[in-house]
Amino acid sequence: MKPPRITRVVAAAGELAENPLWHPERRCLYWTDIPAGKIHVFTPANGEHRVVYEGPSVGGFTFQEDGNLLLFRVDDIARLGPDGRVSVVRKFSDDGMHRFNDVLADPRGRVFAGTFGDHPKCGLYRVDLDGSITRLFSGTGCSNGMGFSPDLKTFYWTCSTTREIFQFDYDVDSGELRNRKTFHSTPDADGIPDGLAVDGSGCVWSARWAGASVVQHAPDGTVLDRIPFPVANITSICFGGENLDQLFVTSAEEPGCTGETAGSLFQINLKIRGVNEFRSRIG
């Protein structure tokens, strides 16, 4: 099968572009450049690219139901309003944590938030609607991509440190994760699993840092397809566009790279539909 066409839509997407998230009402894509402490927005309809936030590094963010962005930064959680103003919701840090990393809102408005820092002290946390934070587990130095199966019975979580994607039984009412199992173990030659997205049919898509690819997994973890990219460090992915059939892919710059490709934002017309991400309701 002929590989899908990959279009570079933003050349200067960031040194370490991460957490792409499609906003269906605004019809634009948001993402964070972690080292630069910036959040970018790209509007496919007119090609506009702008920066809407500059400040402390943002490891991940969600869209709040009230229209704000909820930022998970170095040592706090903050709201970014449509007017650009930032207000701290609460301070938070934990032993060995350098900053937050990938985050994901759940159907009830909670947020699952991973951390980045010292191995094995980092892990995954759940932020409940009142802002309380519960550590679910540790054992990693880099908590990464997450997603839900379409029936909301399974939660996926990526441990980049061990190169594994795990699955859990997920309780939508309580937010509890149970029965951790290995979904996929990534061989060294395939790179490191990073960001993650789940399509409408239940297939899991995994970005591969140092693997120059995005990998499609069947719901049982089997590798179905691999899309090669012209850059080594593919960081994260999300479905977007009018029909949620566009795959947006972020990347990171590479040591010694002199071209403009690494660190770009890419777009692929997959003709496979994703699902809208949930909105958070923290605070």
Protein backbone atom coordinates (compact mmCIF):
# COMPACT_ATOMS: atom_id res chain seq x y z
CA MET A 1 0.00 0.00 0.00
CA LYS A 2 1.26 3.46 -0.90
CA PRO A 3 2.16 5.43 2.26
CA PRO A 4 -0.03 8.49 2.95
CA ARG A 5 1.21 11.90 1.93
CA ILE A 6 2.85 13.82 4.75
CA THR A 7 2.52 17.61 4.63
CA ARG A 8 4.67 19.92 6.71
CA VAL A 9 2.28 22.67 7.79
CA VAL A 10 4.40 24.62 10.31
CA ALA A 11 8.19 24.59 9.94
CA ALA A 12 8.99 26.36 13.20
CA ALA A 13 6.70 24.34 15.44
CA GLY A 14 9.21 24.19 18.29
CA GLU A 15 12.38 22.79 19.73
CA LEU A 16 10.30 20.14 21.50
CA ALA A 17 6.74 20.37 20.18
CA GLU A 18 4.30 18.24 22.18
CA ASN A 19 0.68 17.71 23.23
CA PRO A 20 -1.14 18.56 19.95
CA LEU A 21 -4.85 19.08 20.70
CA TRP A 22 -7.60 19.91 18.23
CA HIS A 23 -10.27 22.43 19.24
CA PRO A 24 -13.40 21.51 17.23
CA GLU A 25 -15.31 24.78 17.80
CA ARG A 26 -12.37 27.06 17.09
CA ARG A 27 -11.23 24.72 14.26
CA CYS A 28 -7.59 25.04 15.15
CA LEU A 29 -4.76 23.01 16.61
CA TYR A 30 -2.93 23.87 19.84
CA TRP A 31 0.42 22.49 21.00
CA THR A 32 3.19 23.29 23.46
CA ASP A 33 6.91 23.89 22.87
CA ILE A 34 8.15 22.75 26.26
CA PRO A 35 11.69 24.24 26.45
CA ALA A 36 10.57 27.59 25.03
CA GLY A 37 7.62 27.89 27.41
CA LYS A 38 5.20 28.63 24.55
CA ILE A 39 1.80 27.43 23.36
CA HIS A 40 1.19 27.65 19.62
CA VAL A 41 -2.01 27.66 17.57
CA PHE A 42 -2.40 26.71 13.90
CA THR A 43 -5.58 27.32 11.87
CA PRO A 44 -5.65 25.03 8.80
CA ALA A 45 -8.34 27.06 6.99
CA ASN A 46 -6.09 30.10 6.51
CA GLY A 47 -2.65 28.78 7.50
CA GLU A 48 -2.38 31.22 10.41
CA HIS A 49 0.20 30.30 13.08
CA ARG A 50 0.50 32.27 16.30
CA VAL A 51 1.72 32.01 19.90
CA VAL A 52 -0.92 32.46 22.63
CA TYR A 53 1.19 31.85 25.74
CA GLU A 54 4.74 32.55 26.90
CA GLY A 55 5.87 31.68 30.41
CA PRO A 56 7.00 28.70 32.49
CA SER A 57 7.28 25.42 30.58
CA VAL A 58 4.00 23.64 29.91
CA GLY A 59 4.35 19.86 29.80
CA GLY A 60 0.73 19.34 28.79
CA PHE A 61 -2.68 21.01 28.79
CA THR A 62 -6.38 20.34 28.39
CA PHE A 63 -9.34 22.39 27.22
CA GLN A 64 -11.64 23.33 30.08
CA GLU A 65 -15.42 23.28 29.66
CA ASP A 66 -15.49 27.01 30.50
CA GLY A 67 -13.28 27.90 27.51
CA ASN A 68 -9.97 28.24 29.36
CA LEU A 69 -6.90 26.11 28.81
CA LEU A 70 -5.70 24.19 31.86
CA LEU A 71 -1.90 24.28 31.90
CA PHE A 72 0.24 21.68 33.66
CA ARG A 73 3.53 23.47 34.18
CA VAL A 74 6.75 22.99 36.15
CA ASP A 75 5.32 23.16 39.67
CA ASP A 76 1.73 24.26 39.30
CA ILE A 77 -1.57 23.93 37.45
CA ALA A 78 -2.87 27.16 35.92
CA ARG A 79 -5.69 28.51 33.76
CA LEU A 80 -5.02 30.38 30.52
CA GLY A 81 -7.99 32.54 29.58
CA PRO A 82 -9.04 33.63 26.07
CA ASP A 83 -7.61 37.07 26.92
CA GLY A 84 -4.17 35.57 27.57
CA ARG A 85 -4.29 36.02 31.33
CA VAL A 86 -2.88 33.22 33.49
CA SER A 87 -4.14 32.36 36.98
CA VAL A 88 -2.68 29.61 39.18
CA VAL A 89 -5.19 26.97 40.26
CA ARG A 90 -2.82 25.26 42.68
CA LYS A 91 0.86 24.61 43.27
CA PHE A 92 2.10 21.04 43.01
CA SER A 93 5.38 19.17 42.96
CA ASP A 94 6.51 15.74 44.10
CA ASP A 95 9.80 14.04 44.93
CA GLY A 96 11.91 13.60 41.78
CA MET A 97 9.51 15.57 39.58
CA HIS A 98 11.05 18.13 37.21
CA ARG A 99 7.73 19.09 35.60
CA PHE A 100 4.43 17.74 34.36
CA ASN A 101 4.38 15.92 31.02
CA ASP A 102 1.48 14.51 28.94
CA VAL A 103 -2.02 14.95 30.37
CA LEU A 104 -5.51 13.76 29.39
CA ALA A 105 -9.02 14.78 30.46
CA ASP A 106 -11.52 12.01 31.14
CA PRO A 107 -15.30 11.89 30.46
CA ARG A 108 -16.16 13.31 33.89
CA GLY A 109 -13.73 16.22 33.62
CA ARG A 110 -10.93 14.79 35.72
CA VAL A 111 -7.37 14.91 34.38
CA PHE A 112 -4.76 12.16 34.30
CA ALA A 113 -1.38 13.88 34.53
CA GLY A 114 2.04 12.33 34.05
CA THR A 115 5.35 13.65 35.31
CA PHE A 116 8.88 13.86 33.94
CA GLY A 117 12.05 13.70 36.03
CA ASP A 118 14.06 11.23 38.08
CA HIS A 119 13.53 7.54 37.40
CA PRO A 120 11.78 5.71 39.09
CA LYS A 121 10.17 8.47 41.14
CA CYS A 122 7.87 9.88 38.46
CA GLY A 123 4.52 8.44 37.48
CA LEU A 124 0.85 9.12 36.87
CA TYR A 125 -1.55 11.24 38.93
CA ARG A 126 -5.30 11.89 38.84
CA VAL A 127 -6.57 15.42 39.35
CA ASP A 128 -10.18 15.43 40.56
CA LEU A 129 -12.76 18.13 39.97
CA ASP A 130 -12.04 19.86 43.28
CA GLY A 131 -8.34 20.12 42.39
CA SER A 132 -7.21 17.35 44.71
CA ILE A 133 -4.36 15.23 43.33
CA THR A 134 -3.87 11.49 43.86
CA ARG A 135 -0.74 9.61 42.90
CA LEU A 136 -1.82 6.46 41.07
CA PHE A 137 1.59 4.91 40.60
CA SER A 138 5.28 5.69 40.10
CA GLY A 139 8.12 3.72 38.50
CA THR A 140 9.07 5.84 35.49
CA GLY A 141 11.19 8.82 34.58
CA CYS A 142 8.99 9.86 31.67
CA SER A 143 5.23 9.34 31.78
CA ASN A 144 3.85 9.87 28.30
CA GLY A 145 0.90 9.41 25.91
CA MET A 146 -2.55 8.29 27.11
CA GLY A 147 -5.94 7.48 25.61
CA PHE A 148 -9.29 5.77 26.09
CA SER A 149 -10.86 3.00 24.04
CA PRO A 150 -14.07 4.13 22.29
CA ASP A 151 -16.21 2.13 24.72
CA LEU A 152 -14.40 3.82 27.66
CA LYS A 153 -13.58 0.48 29.26
CA THR A 154 -9.82 0.62 28.62
CA PHE A 155 -7.22 3.26 29.47
CA TYR A 156 -3.83 3.29 27.72
CA TRP A 157 -0.66 4.75 29.23
CA THR A 158 2.85 5.03 27.80
CA CYS A 159 6.02 4.57 29.84
CA SER A 160 8.81 5.92 27.65
CA THR A 161 11.43 4.85 30.20
CA THR A 162 10.67 1.14 29.76
CA ARG A 163 9.49 1.48 26.11
CA GLU A 164 6.11 0.00 27.00
CA ILE A 165 2.47 0.90 26.42
CA PHE A 166 0.19 -0.42 29.17
CA GLN A 167 -3.55 -0.91 29.34
CA PHE A 168 -5.85 -0.77 32.36
CA ASP A 169 -9.48 -1.51 33.09
CA TYR A 170 -11.01 1.94 33.52
CA ASP A 171 -14.00 2.88 35.70
CA VAL A 172 -15.56 6.01 34.27
CA ASP A 173 -17.56 6.76 37.43
CA SER A 174 -14.71 6.56 39.94
CA GLY A 175 -11.75 7.25 37.68
CA GLU A 176 -9.98 4.17 39.01
CA LEU A 177 -7.48 2.17 36.95
CA ARG A 178 -7.20 -1.57 37.57
CA ASN A 179 -5.56 -4.71 36.15
CA ARG A 180 -2.49 -3.23 34.53
CA LYS A 181 -1.30 -5.25 31.53
CA THR A 182 1.31 -4.76 28.83
CA PHE A 183 -0.32 -3.67 25.58
CA HIS A 184 2.91 -3.43 23.57
CA SER A 185 6.64 -3.62 24.28
CA THR A 186 8.67 -1.61 21.78
CA PRO A 187 11.95 -3.12 20.50
CA ASP A 188 14.99 -0.85 20.71
CA ALA A 189 15.18 -0.61 16.92
CA ASP A 190 11.65 0.84 16.75
CA GLY A 191 12.40 3.90 18.87
CA ILE A 192 10.73 5.01 22.09
CA PRO A 193 6.93 5.20 22.38
CA ASP A 194 5.92 8.80 23.09
CA GLY A 195 2.54 10.46 22.44
CA LEU A 196 -0.59 8.41 21.77
CA ALA A 197 -4.03 8.71 20.19
CA VAL A 198 -6.95 6.31 19.74
CA ASP A 199 -9.15 6.36 16.62
CA GLY A 200 -12.88 5.71 16.37
CA SER A 201 -12.40 2.01 15.62
CA GLY A 202 -10.26 1.44 18.70
CA CYS A 203 -6.85 1.33 17.02
CA VAL A 204 -4.02 2.89 19.03
CA TRP A 205 -1.57 5.23 17.28
CA SER A 206 1.85 5.71 18.86
CA ALA A 207 4.47 8.36 18.07
CA ARG A 208 8.03 7.02 18.14
CA TRP A 209 10.86 9.19 19.45
CA ALA A 210 14.13 8.22 17.72
CA GLY A 211 12.01 5.91 15.57
CA ALA A 212 11.05 8.34 12.76
CA SER A 213 7.54 6.94 12.57
CA VAL A 214 3.96 6.73 13.77
CA VAL A 215 2.77 3.18 14.44
CA GLN A 216 -0.81 1.94 14.24
CA HIS A 217 -1.75 -0.85 16.67
CA ALA A 218 -4.83 -3.04 16.58
CA PRO A 219 -6.89 -3.13 19.82
CA ASP A 220 -4.94 -6.27 20.81
CA GLY A 221 -1.58 -4.49 20.44
CA THR A 222 -0.59 -6.02 17.09
CA VAL A 223 1.26 -3.64 14.76
CA LEU A 224 -0.96 -2.94 11.74
CA ASP A 225 0.96 -0.19 9.97
CA ARG A 226 3.93 2.11 10.27
CA ILE A 227 4.12 5.59 8.70
CA PRO A 228 7.75 6.71 8.17
CA PHE A 229 8.72 10.37 8.68
CA PRO A 230 11.69 12.43 7.48
CA VAL A 231 12.65 13.28 11.09
CA ALA A 232 13.85 11.00 13.87
CA ASN A 233 12.05 12.41 16.89
CA ILE A 234 8.28 12.10 16.49
CA THR A 235 6.79 13.30 19.77
CA SER A 236 3.00 13.19 19.68
CA ILE A 237 -0.16 12.90 17.57
CA CYS A 238 -3.84 13.80 17.56
CA PHE A 239 -6.82 13.59 15.26
CA GLY A 240 -8.34 16.83 14.05
CA GLY A 241 -9.85 18.67 11.12
CA GLU A 242 -13.50 19.18 10.20
CA ASN A 243 -14.19 15.42 10.12
CA LEU A 244 -11.49 14.36 12.61
CA ASP A 245 -9.80 12.49 9.76
CA GLN A 246 -6.55 14.47 9.78
CA LEU A 247 -3.63 13.25 11.86
CA PHE A 248 -1.52 16.08 13.25
CA VAL A 249 2.02 15.07 14.23
CA THR A 250 4.54 17.02 16.31
CA SER A 251 8.31 16.53 16.30
CA ALA A 252 11.46 17.72 18.03
CA GLU A 253 14.74 19.16 16.85
CA GLU A 254 17.69 16.81 16.57
CA PRO A 255 21.32 17.38 17.62
CA GLY A 256 23.40 18.51 14.65
CA CYS A 257 20.35 19.05 12.44
CA THR A 258 20.85 21.96 10.06
CA GLY A 259 17.58 21.74 8.11
CA GLU A 260 14.12 23.04 8.92
CA THR A 261 12.29 19.70 8.99
CA ALA A 262 13.00 18.58 12.56
CA GLY A 263 10.75 20.35 15.04
CA SER A 264 8.00 20.79 12.42
CA LEU A 265 4.26 20.18 12.65
CA PHE A 266 3.00 17.65 10.09
CA GLN A 267 -0.46 16.77 8.80
CA ILE A 268 -1.69 13.55 7.19
CA ASN A 269 -5.05 12.87 5.55
CA LEU A 270 -5.61 9.34 6.81
CA LYS A 271 -9.28 8.83 5.90
CA ILE A 272 -9.55 7.27 9.37
CA ARG A 273 -11.64 9.16 11.89
CA GLY A 274 -10.63 9.92 15.43
CA VAL A 275 -12.77 11.08 18.33
CA ASN A 276 -12.97 14.41 20.11
CA GLU A 277 -10.97 14.65 23.33
CA PHE A 278 -12.83 15.27 26.57
CA ARG A 279 -12.90 18.64 28.36
CA SER A 280 -11.60 19.10 31.87
CA ARG A 281 -13.66 20.65 34.69
CA ILE A 282 -11.04 21.26 37.36
CA GLY A 283 -11.85 23.86 39.98
